Full PDB file with SEQRES, HELIX, SHEET, SSBOND, CRYST1, ORIGX, SCALE, CONECT and MASTER records, all heavy atoms in Angstrom:
SEQRES   1 A   37  GLY ASP VAL LEU CYS THR PHE ASP SER ALA ALA ILE GLN          
SEQRES   2 A   37  GLU ASN LEU SER ILE THR GLU LYS THR LEU THR ASN GLU          
SEQRES   3 A   37  SER ALA VAL THR LYS ASN THR ALA LYS GLN ASN                  
HELIX    1 AA1 ALA A   10  GLN A   36  1                                  27    
CRYST1    1.000    1.000    1.000  90.00  90.00  90.00 P 1           1          
ORIGX1      1.000000  0.000000  0.000000        0.00000                         
ORIGX2      0.000000  1.000000  0.000000        0.00000                         
ORIGX3      0.000000  0.000000  1.000000        0.00000                         
SCALE1      1.000000  0.000000  0.000000        0.00000                         
SCALE2      0.000000  1.000000  0.000000        0.00000                         
SCALE3      0.000000  0.000000  1.000000        0.00000                         
ATOM      1  N   GLY A   1      30.477  51.659 191.653  1.00  0.00           N  
ATOM      2  CA  GLY A   1      29.161  52.122 191.887  1.00  0.00           C  
ATOM      3  C   GLY A   1      28.593  51.740 193.243  1.00  0.00           C  
ATOM      4  O   GLY A   1      27.602  52.283 193.719  1.00  0.00           O  
ATOM      5  N   ASP A   2      29.245  50.717 193.890  1.00  0.00           N  
ATOM      6  CA  ASP A   2      28.801  50.281 195.213  1.00  0.00           C  
ATOM      7  C   ASP A   2      29.024  51.432 196.173  1.00  0.00           C  
ATOM      8  O   ASP A   2      30.056  52.177 196.153  1.00  0.00           O  
ATOM      9  CB  ASP A   2      29.572  49.083 195.711  1.00  0.00           C  
ATOM     10  CG  ASP A   2      29.224  47.803 194.910  1.00  0.00           C  
ATOM     11  OD1 ASP A   2      28.232  47.899 194.196  1.00  0.00           O  
ATOM     12  OD2 ASP A   2      29.937  46.804 195.086  1.00  0.00           O  
ATOM     13  N   VAL A   3      28.040  51.644 197.089  1.00  0.00           N  
ATOM     14  CA  VAL A   3      28.081  52.640 198.129  1.00  0.00           C  
ATOM     15  C   VAL A   3      29.064  52.118 199.246  1.00  0.00           C  
ATOM     16  O   VAL A   3      28.732  51.137 199.888  1.00  0.00           O  
ATOM     17  CB  VAL A   3      26.721  53.038 198.703  1.00  0.00           C  
ATOM     18  CG1 VAL A   3      26.917  54.079 199.852  1.00  0.00           C  
ATOM     19  CG2 VAL A   3      25.873  53.573 197.593  1.00  0.00           C  
ATOM     20  N   LEU A   4      30.083  52.804 199.426  1.00  0.00           N  
ATOM     21  CA  LEU A   4      31.121  52.400 200.436  1.00  0.00           C  
ATOM     22  C   LEU A   4      30.944  53.020 201.830  1.00  0.00           C  
ATOM     23  O   LEU A   4      31.112  52.392 202.844  1.00  0.00           O  
ATOM     24  CB  LEU A   4      32.524  52.685 199.928  1.00  0.00           C  
ATOM     25  CG  LEU A   4      32.888  52.180 198.550  1.00  0.00           C  
ATOM     26  CD1 LEU A   4      34.262  52.613 198.156  1.00  0.00           C  
ATOM     27  CD2 LEU A   4      32.728  50.674 198.426  1.00  0.00           C  
ATOM     28  N   CYS A   5      30.543  54.331 201.782  1.00  0.00           N  
ATOM     29  CA  CYS A   5      30.541  55.078 203.043  1.00  0.00           C  
ATOM     30  C   CYS A   5      29.596  56.251 202.930  1.00  0.00           C  
ATOM     31  O   CYS A   5      29.433  56.809 201.786  1.00  0.00           O  
ATOM     32  CB  CYS A   5      31.971  55.536 203.369  1.00  0.00           C  
ATOM     33  SG  CYS A   5      32.125  56.478 204.832  1.00  0.00           S  
ATOM     34  N   THR A   6      28.911  56.723 203.934  1.00  0.00           N  
ATOM     35  CA  THR A   6      28.030  57.880 203.954  1.00  0.00           C  
ATOM     36  C   THR A   6      28.339  58.818 205.107  1.00  0.00           C  
ATOM     37  O   THR A   6      28.852  58.354 206.140  1.00  0.00           O  
ATOM     38  CB  THR A   6      26.619  57.475 203.992  1.00  0.00           C  
ATOM     39  OG1 THR A   6      26.367  56.744 205.173  1.00  0.00           O  
ATOM     40  CG2 THR A   6      26.205  56.735 202.759  1.00  0.00           C  
ATOM     41  N   PHE A   7      28.105  60.143 204.868  1.00  0.00           N  
ATOM     42  CA  PHE A   7      28.366  61.145 205.920  1.00  0.00           C  
ATOM     43  C   PHE A   7      27.046  61.942 206.162  1.00  0.00           C  
ATOM     44  O   PHE A   7      26.125  61.946 205.307  1.00  0.00           O  
ATOM     45  CB  PHE A   7      29.380  62.131 205.415  1.00  0.00           C  
ATOM     46  CG  PHE A   7      30.735  61.522 205.165  1.00  0.00           C  
ATOM     47  CD1 PHE A   7      31.091  61.047 203.916  1.00  0.00           C  
ATOM     48  CD2 PHE A   7      31.719  61.472 206.188  1.00  0.00           C  
ATOM     49  CE1 PHE A   7      32.300  60.452 203.678  1.00  0.00           C  
ATOM     50  CE2 PHE A   7      32.940  60.901 205.964  1.00  0.00           C  
ATOM     51  CZ  PHE A   7      33.239  60.363 204.705  1.00  0.00           C  
ATOM     52  N   ASP A   8      26.975  62.514 207.376  1.00  0.00           N  
ATOM     53  CA  ASP A   8      25.772  63.286 207.741  1.00  0.00           C  
ATOM     54  C   ASP A   8      25.823  64.612 206.936  1.00  0.00           C  
ATOM     55  O   ASP A   8      26.730  65.447 207.053  1.00  0.00           O  
ATOM     56  CB  ASP A   8      25.858  63.662 209.233  1.00  0.00           C  
ATOM     57  CG  ASP A   8      24.614  64.383 209.757  1.00  0.00           C  
ATOM     58  OD1 ASP A   8      23.754  64.606 208.892  1.00  0.00           O  
ATOM     59  OD2 ASP A   8      24.646  64.735 210.920  1.00  0.00           O  
ATOM     60  N   SER A   9      24.797  64.800 206.112  1.00  0.00           N  
ATOM     61  CA  SER A   9      24.765  65.940 205.224  1.00  0.00           C  
ATOM     62  C   SER A   9      23.861  67.150 205.674  1.00  0.00           C  
ATOM     63  O   SER A   9      23.743  68.107 204.961  1.00  0.00           O  
ATOM     64  CB  SER A   9      24.305  65.541 203.799  1.00  0.00           C  
ATOM     65  OG  SER A   9      22.945  65.005 203.874  1.00  0.00           O  
ATOM     66  N   ALA A  10      23.205  66.989 206.849  1.00  0.00           N  
ATOM     67  CA  ALA A  10      22.206  67.972 207.319  1.00  0.00           C  
ATOM     68  C   ALA A  10      22.869  69.321 207.402  1.00  0.00           C  
ATOM     69  O   ALA A  10      22.356  70.348 206.916  1.00  0.00           O  
ATOM     70  CB  ALA A  10      21.608  67.560 208.596  1.00  0.00           C  
ATOM     71  N   ALA A  11      23.997  69.425 208.211  1.00  0.00           N  
ATOM     72  CA  ALA A  11      24.635  70.747 208.431  1.00  0.00           C  
ATOM     73  C   ALA A  11      25.131  71.397 207.096  1.00  0.00           C  
ATOM     74  O   ALA A  11      25.024  72.581 206.903  1.00  0.00           O  
ATOM     75  CB  ALA A  11      25.743  70.643 209.417  1.00  0.00           C  
ATOM     76  N   ILE A  12      25.634  70.510 206.259  1.00  0.00           N  
ATOM     77  CA  ILE A  12      26.186  71.020 204.947  1.00  0.00           C  
ATOM     78  C   ILE A  12      25.064  71.556 204.158  1.00  0.00           C  
ATOM     79  O   ILE A  12      25.166  72.643 203.557  1.00  0.00           O  
ATOM     80  CB  ILE A  12      26.933  69.942 204.252  1.00  0.00           C  
ATOM     81  CG1 ILE A  12      28.164  69.430 205.038  1.00  0.00           C  
ATOM     82  CG2 ILE A  12      27.373  70.367 202.848  1.00  0.00           C  
ATOM     83  CD1 ILE A  12      28.844  68.232 204.403  1.00  0.00           C  
ATOM     84  N   GLN A  13      23.881  70.849 204.122  1.00  0.00           N  
ATOM     85  CA  GLN A  13      22.781  71.288 203.324  1.00  0.00           C  
ATOM     86  C   GLN A  13      22.240  72.642 203.825  1.00  0.00           C  
ATOM     87  O   GLN A  13      21.853  73.466 203.046  1.00  0.00           O  
ATOM     88  CB  GLN A  13      21.651  70.232 203.452  1.00  0.00           C  
ATOM     89  CG  GLN A  13      20.427  70.565 202.560  1.00  0.00           C  
ATOM     90  CD  GLN A  13      20.722  70.662 201.133  1.00  0.00           C  
ATOM     91  OE1 GLN A  13      21.114  69.655 200.475  1.00  0.00           O  
ATOM     92  NE2 GLN A  13      20.671  71.819 200.515  1.00  0.00           N  
ATOM     93  N   GLU A  14      22.198  72.803 205.219  1.00  0.00           N  
ATOM     94  CA  GLU A  14      21.669  74.071 205.762  1.00  0.00           C  
ATOM     95  C   GLU A  14      22.611  75.194 205.430  1.00  0.00           C  
ATOM     96  O   GLU A  14      22.108  76.257 204.978  1.00  0.00           O  
ATOM     97  CB  GLU A  14      21.644  73.885 207.330  1.00  0.00           C  
ATOM     98  CG  GLU A  14      21.077  75.158 207.976  1.00  0.00           C  
ATOM     99  CD  GLU A  14      20.959  74.967 209.520  1.00  0.00           C  
ATOM    100  OE1 GLU A  14      21.281  73.896 210.039  1.00  0.00           O  
ATOM    101  OE2 GLU A  14      20.609  75.953 210.160  1.00  0.00           O  
ATOM    102  N   ASN A  15      23.874  75.024 205.530  1.00  0.00           N  
ATOM    103  CA  ASN A  15      24.856  76.115 205.171  1.00  0.00           C  
ATOM    104  C   ASN A  15      24.750  76.396 203.719  1.00  0.00           C  
ATOM    105  O   ASN A  15      24.938  77.522 203.263  1.00  0.00           O  
ATOM    106  CB  ASN A  15      26.266  75.625 205.572  1.00  0.00           C  
ATOM    107  CG  ASN A  15      26.486  75.620 207.031  1.00  0.00           C  
ATOM    108  OD1 ASN A  15      25.840  76.333 207.769  1.00  0.00           O  
ATOM    109  ND2 ASN A  15      27.412  74.776 207.498  1.00  0.00           N  
ATOM    110  N   LEU A  16      24.541  75.344 202.879  1.00  0.00           N  
ATOM    111  CA  LEU A  16      24.406  75.543 201.453  1.00  0.00           C  
ATOM    112  C   LEU A  16      23.247  76.440 201.103  1.00  0.00           C  
ATOM    113  O   LEU A  16      23.277  77.327 200.256  1.00  0.00           O  
ATOM    114  CB  LEU A  16      24.372  74.198 200.720  1.00  0.00           C  
ATOM    115  CG  LEU A  16      24.259  74.308 199.222  1.00  0.00           C  
ATOM    116  CD1 LEU A  16      25.469  75.008 198.590  1.00  0.00           C  
ATOM    117  CD2 LEU A  16      24.167  72.866 198.640  1.00  0.00           C  
ATOM    118  N   SER A  17      22.113  76.208 201.785  1.00  0.00           N  
ATOM    119  CA  SER A  17      20.857  76.959 201.539  1.00  0.00           C  
ATOM    120  C   SER A  17      21.087  78.432 201.915  1.00  0.00           C  
ATOM    121  O   SER A  17      20.732  79.298 201.112  1.00  0.00           O  
ATOM    122  CB  SER A  17      19.714  76.397 202.304  1.00  0.00           C  
ATOM    123  OG  SER A  17      19.416  75.082 201.966  1.00  0.00           O  
ATOM    124  N   ILE A  18      21.743  78.639 203.030  1.00  0.00           N  
ATOM    125  CA  ILE A  18      21.995  80.064 203.462  1.00  0.00           C  
ATOM    126  C   ILE A  18      22.977  80.742 202.468  1.00  0.00           C  
ATOM    127  O   ILE A  18      22.753  81.907 202.036  1.00  0.00           O  
ATOM    128  CB  ILE A  18      22.654  80.030 204.878  1.00  0.00           C  
ATOM    129  CG1 ILE A  18      21.643  79.551 205.880  1.00  0.00           C  
ATOM    130  CG2 ILE A  18      23.142  81.494 205.224  1.00  0.00           C  
ATOM    131  CD1 ILE A  18      22.240  79.367 207.291  1.00  0.00           C  
ATOM    132  N   THR A  19      23.980  80.011 201.978  1.00  0.00           N  
ATOM    133  CA  THR A  19      24.923  80.551 201.027  1.00  0.00           C  
ATOM    134  C   THR A  19      24.291  80.887 199.697  1.00  0.00           C  
ATOM    135  O   THR A  19      24.595  81.875 199.087  1.00  0.00           O  
ATOM    136  CB  THR A  19      26.092  79.608 200.903  1.00  0.00           C  
ATOM    137  OG1 THR A  19      26.709  79.385 202.159  1.00  0.00           O  
ATOM    138  CG2 THR A  19      27.158  80.173 199.920  1.00  0.00           C  
ATOM    139  N   GLU A  20      23.412  80.009 199.279  1.00  0.00           N  
ATOM    140  CA  GLU A  20      22.745  80.316 198.004  1.00  0.00           C  
ATOM    141  C   GLU A  20      21.806  81.447 198.108  1.00  0.00           C  
ATOM    142  O   GLU A  20      21.704  82.207 197.080  1.00  0.00           O  
ATOM    143  CB  GLU A  20      21.931  79.006 197.618  1.00  0.00           C  
ATOM    144  CG  GLU A  20      22.795  77.842 197.166  1.00  0.00           C  
ATOM    145  CD  GLU A  20      22.065  76.609 196.863  1.00  0.00           C  
ATOM    146  OE1 GLU A  20      20.859  76.495 197.294  1.00  0.00           O  
ATOM    147  OE2 GLU A  20      22.632  75.721 196.135  1.00  0.00           O  
ATOM    148  N   LYS A  21      21.152  81.743 199.187  1.00  0.00           N  
ATOM    149  CA  LYS A  21      20.363  82.975 199.347  1.00  0.00           C  
ATOM    150  C   LYS A  21      21.203  84.172 199.306  1.00  0.00           C  
ATOM    151  O   LYS A  21      20.922  85.199 198.638  1.00  0.00           O  
ATOM    152  CB  LYS A  21      19.642  82.934 200.652  1.00  0.00           C  
ATOM    153  CG  LYS A  21      18.454  81.924 200.637  1.00  0.00           C  
ATOM    154  CD  LYS A  21      17.765  81.953 201.995  1.00  0.00           C  
ATOM    155  CE  LYS A  21      16.598  80.851 202.056  1.00  0.00           C  
ATOM    156  NZ  LYS A  21      15.924  80.837 203.376  1.00  0.00           N  
ATOM    157  N   THR A  22      22.388  84.115 199.991  1.00  0.00           N  
ATOM    158  CA  THR A  22      23.310  85.236 199.978  1.00  0.00           C  
ATOM    159  C   THR A  22      23.869  85.479 198.553  1.00  0.00           C  
ATOM    160  O   THR A  22      23.947  86.614 198.113  1.00  0.00           O  
ATOM    161  CB  THR A  22      24.495  84.972 200.895  1.00  0.00           C  
ATOM    162  OG1 THR A  22      24.009  84.766 202.281  1.00  0.00           O  
ATOM    163  CG2 THR A  22      25.460  86.124 200.931  1.00  0.00           C  
ATOM    164  N   LEU A  23      24.094  84.427 197.880  1.00  0.00           N  
ATOM    165  CA  LEU A  23      24.569  84.495 196.547  1.00  0.00           C  
ATOM    166  C   LEU A  23      23.592  85.166 195.579  1.00  0.00           C  
ATOM    167  O   LEU A  23      23.860  85.963 194.681  1.00  0.00           O  
ATOM    168  CB  LEU A  23      24.972  83.110 195.997  1.00  0.00           C  
ATOM    169  CG  LEU A  23      25.756  83.032 194.716  1.00  0.00           C  
ATOM    170  CD1 LEU A  23      27.056  83.770 194.797  1.00  0.00           C  
ATOM    171  CD2 LEU A  23      26.003  81.603 194.286  1.00  0.00           C  
ATOM    172  N   THR A  24      22.257  84.834 195.790  1.00  0.00           N  
ATOM    173  CA  THR A  24      21.211  85.427 195.011  1.00  0.00           C  
ATOM    174  C   THR A  24      21.191  86.906 195.238  1.00  0.00           C  
ATOM    175  O   THR A  24      21.036  87.706 194.270  1.00  0.00           O  
ATOM    176  CB  THR A  24      19.800  84.841 195.367  1.00  0.00           C  
ATOM    177  OG1 THR A  24      19.859  83.388 195.085  1.00  0.00           O  
ATOM    178  CG2 THR A  24      18.720  85.458 194.607  1.00  0.00           C  
ATOM    179  N   ASN A  25      21.303  87.388 196.516  1.00  0.00           N  
ATOM    180  CA  ASN A  25      21.299  88.799 196.803  1.00  0.00           C  
ATOM    181  C   ASN A  25      22.441  89.523 196.191  1.00  0.00           C  
ATOM    182  O   ASN A  25      22.356  90.575 195.658  1.00  0.00           O  
ATOM    183  CB  ASN A  25      21.219  89.047 198.274  1.00  0.00           C  
ATOM    184  CG  ASN A  25      19.975  88.555 198.972  1.00  0.00           C  
ATOM    185  OD1 ASN A  25      18.897  88.474 198.315  1.00  0.00           O  
ATOM    186  ND2 ASN A  25      20.011  88.226 200.213  1.00  0.00           N  
ATOM    187  N   GLU A  26      23.647  88.874 196.321  1.00  0.00           N  
ATOM    188  CA  GLU A  26      24.809  89.477 195.754  1.00  0.00           C  
ATOM    189  C   GLU A  26      24.765  89.548 194.227  1.00  0.00           C  
ATOM    190  O   GLU A  26      25.154  90.557 193.593  1.00  0.00           O  
ATOM    191  CB  GLU A  26      26.092  88.571 196.148  1.00  0.00           C  
ATOM    192  CG  GLU A  26      26.502  88.696 197.520  1.00  0.00           C  
ATOM    193  CD  GLU A  26      27.717  87.876 197.766  1.00  0.00           C  
ATOM    194  OE1 GLU A  26      28.191  87.152 196.865  1.00  0.00           O  
ATOM    195  OE2 GLU A  26      28.243  87.954 198.850  1.00  0.00           O  
ATOM    196  N   SER A  27      24.091  88.606 193.614  1.00  0.00           N  
ATOM    197  CA  SER A  27      23.909  88.573 192.146  1.00  0.00           C  
ATOM    198  C   SER A  27      23.041  89.790 191.762  1.00  0.00           C  
ATOM    199  O   SER A  27      23.305  90.502 190.738  1.00  0.00           O  
ATOM    200  CB  SER A  27      23.311  87.307 191.686  1.00  0.00           C  
ATOM    201  OG  SER A  27      23.063  87.356 190.343  1.00  0.00           O  
ATOM    202  N   ALA A  28      21.967  90.065 192.510  1.00  0.00           N  
ATOM    203  CA  ALA A  28      21.091  91.165 192.193  1.00  0.00           C  
ATOM    204  C   ALA A  28      21.772  92.477 192.401  1.00  0.00           C  
ATOM    205  O   ALA A  28      21.600  93.396 191.510  1.00  0.00           O  
ATOM    206  CB  ALA A  28      19.812  91.164 193.197  1.00  0.00           C  
ATOM    207  N   VAL A  29      22.612  92.621 193.455  1.00  0.00           N  
ATOM    208  CA  VAL A  29      23.358  93.861 193.609  1.00  0.00           C  
ATOM    209  C   VAL A  29      24.372  94.065 192.511  1.00  0.00           C  
ATOM    210  O   VAL A  29      24.539  95.144 191.987  1.00  0.00           O  
ATOM    211  CB  VAL A  29      24.042  93.812 195.072  1.00  0.00           C  
ATOM    212  CG1 VAL A  29      25.090  94.994 195.147  1.00  0.00           C  
ATOM    213  CG2 VAL A  29      23.076  93.829 196.150  1.00  0.00           C  
ATOM    214  N   THR A  30      24.987  92.972 192.158  1.00  0.00           N  
ATOM    215  CA  THR A  30      25.920  93.056 191.048  1.00  0.00           C  
ATOM    216  C   THR A  30      25.292  93.507 189.776  1.00  0.00           C  
ATOM    217  O   THR A  30      25.866  94.293 188.998  1.00  0.00           O  
ATOM    218  CB  THR A  30      26.653  91.690 190.829  1.00  0.00           C  
ATOM    219  OG1 THR A  30      27.276  91.318 192.078  1.00  0.00           O  
ATOM    220  CG2 THR A  30      27.709  91.707 189.735  1.00  0.00           C  
ATOM    221  N   LYS A  31      24.170  92.890 189.454  1.00  0.00           N  
ATOM    222  CA  LYS A  31      23.488  93.278 188.260  1.00  0.00           C  
ATOM    223  C   LYS A  31      23.037  94.722 188.230  1.00  0.00           C  
ATOM    224  O   LYS A  31      23.124  95.455 187.219  1.00  0.00           O  
ATOM    225  CB  LYS A  31      22.200  92.395 188.033  1.00  0.00           C  
ATOM    226  CG  LYS A  31      22.539  90.928 187.657  1.00  0.00           C  
ATOM    227  CD  LYS A  31      21.323  90.119 187.470  1.00  0.00           C  
ATOM    228  CE  LYS A  31      21.720  88.688 187.063  1.00  0.00           C  
ATOM    229  NZ  LYS A  31      20.457  87.861 186.934  1.00  0.00           N  
ATOM    230  N   ASN A  32      22.538  95.199 189.451  1.00  0.00           N  
ATOM    231  CA  ASN A  32      22.117  96.614 189.557  1.00  0.00           C  
ATOM    232  C   ASN A  32      23.331  97.558 189.387  1.00  0.00           C  
ATOM    233  O   ASN A  32      23.201  98.619 188.694  1.00  0.00           O  
ATOM    234  CB  ASN A  32      21.413  96.841 190.907  1.00  0.00           C  
ATOM    235  CG  ASN A  32      20.903  98.264 191.040  1.00  0.00           C  
ATOM    236  OD1 ASN A  32      19.980  98.600 190.270  1.00  0.00           O  
ATOM    237  ND2 ASN A  32      21.421  99.029 191.912  1.00  0.00           N  
ATOM    238  N   THR A  33      24.434  97.184 189.980  1.00  0.00           N  
ATOM    239  CA  THR A  33      25.646  98.011 189.869  1.00  0.00           C  
ATOM    240  C   THR A  33      26.077  98.109 188.411  1.00  0.00           C  
ATOM    241  O   THR A  33      26.428  99.142 187.985  1.00  0.00           O  
ATOM    242  CB  THR A  33      26.756  97.396 190.740  1.00  0.00           C  
ATOM    243  OG1 THR A  33      26.289  97.389 192.079  1.00  0.00           O  
ATOM    244  CG2 THR A  33      28.012  98.277 190.636  1.00  0.00           C  
ATOM    245  N   ALA A  34      26.010  96.954 187.740  1.00  0.00           N  
ATOM    246  CA  ALA A  34      26.403  96.937 186.328  1.00  0.00           C  
ATOM    247  C   ALA A  34      25.499  97.847 185.510  1.00  0.00           C  
ATOM    248  O   ALA A  34      25.904  98.521 184.643  1.00  0.00           O  
ATOM    249  CB  ALA A  34      26.359  95.475 185.801  1.00  0.00           C  
ATOM    250  N   LYS A  35      24.180  97.771 185.792  1.00  0.00           N  
ATOM    251  CA  LYS A  35      23.224  98.566 185.106  1.00  0.00           C  
ATOM    252  C   LYS A  35      23.517 100.014 185.311  1.00  0.00           C  
ATOM    253  O   LYS A  35      23.485 100.896 184.404  1.00  0.00           O  
ATOM    254  CB  LYS A  35      21.824  98.246 185.579  1.00  0.00           C  
ATOM    255  CG  LYS A  35      20.690  98.933 184.780  1.00  0.00           C  
ATOM    256  CD  LYS A  35      19.313  98.514 185.252  1.00  0.00           C  
ATOM    257  CE  LYS A  35      18.227  99.187 184.523  1.00  0.00           C  
ATOM    258  NZ  LYS A  35      16.867  98.744 184.973  1.00  0.00           N  
ATOM    259  N   GLN A  36      23.817 100.449 186.585  1.00  0.00           N  
ATOM    260  CA  GLN A  36      24.149 101.785 186.947  1.00  0.00           C  
ATOM    261  C   GLN A  36      25.398 102.258 186.271  1.00  0.00           C  
ATOM    262  O   GLN A  36      25.476 103.479 185.745  1.00  0.00           O  
ATOM    263  CB  GLN A  36      24.255 101.993 188.447  1.00  0.00           C  
ATOM    264  CG  GLN A  36      23.002 101.838 189.173  1.00  0.00           C  
ATOM    265  CD  GLN A  36      21.878 102.792 188.815  1.00  0.00           C  
ATOM    266  OE1 GLN A  36      22.168 103.939 188.576  1.00  0.00           O  
ATOM    267  NE2 GLN A  36      20.628 102.272 188.710  1.00  0.00           N  
ATOM    268  N   ASN A  37      26.330 101.440 186.162  1.00  0.00           N  
ATOM    269  CA  ASN A  37      27.596 101.744 185.600  1.00  0.00           C  
ATOM    270  C   ASN A  37      27.407 101.986 184.046  1.00  0.00           C  
ATOM    271  O   ASN A  37      28.039 102.897 183.480  1.00  0.00           O  
ATOM    272  CB  ASN A  37      28.674 100.651 185.795  1.00  0.00           C  
ATOM    273  CG  ASN A  37      29.110 100.614 187.228  1.00  0.00           C  
ATOM    274  OD1 ASN A  37      28.985 101.586 188.006  1.00  0.00           O  
ATOM    275  ND2 ASN A  37      29.612  99.450 187.657  1.00  0.00           N  
TER     276      ASN A  37                                                      
MASTER        0    0    0    1    0    0    0    6  275    1    0    3          
END                                                                             
């Protein structure tokens, strides 16, 4: 449980936020496509 080492997480967090927004849009498109099908 001791903390041994840390890394800079800022860039990873930013990319994660962008990816999650894209994923939300893709999910909406997928649901709509499924509904149309």
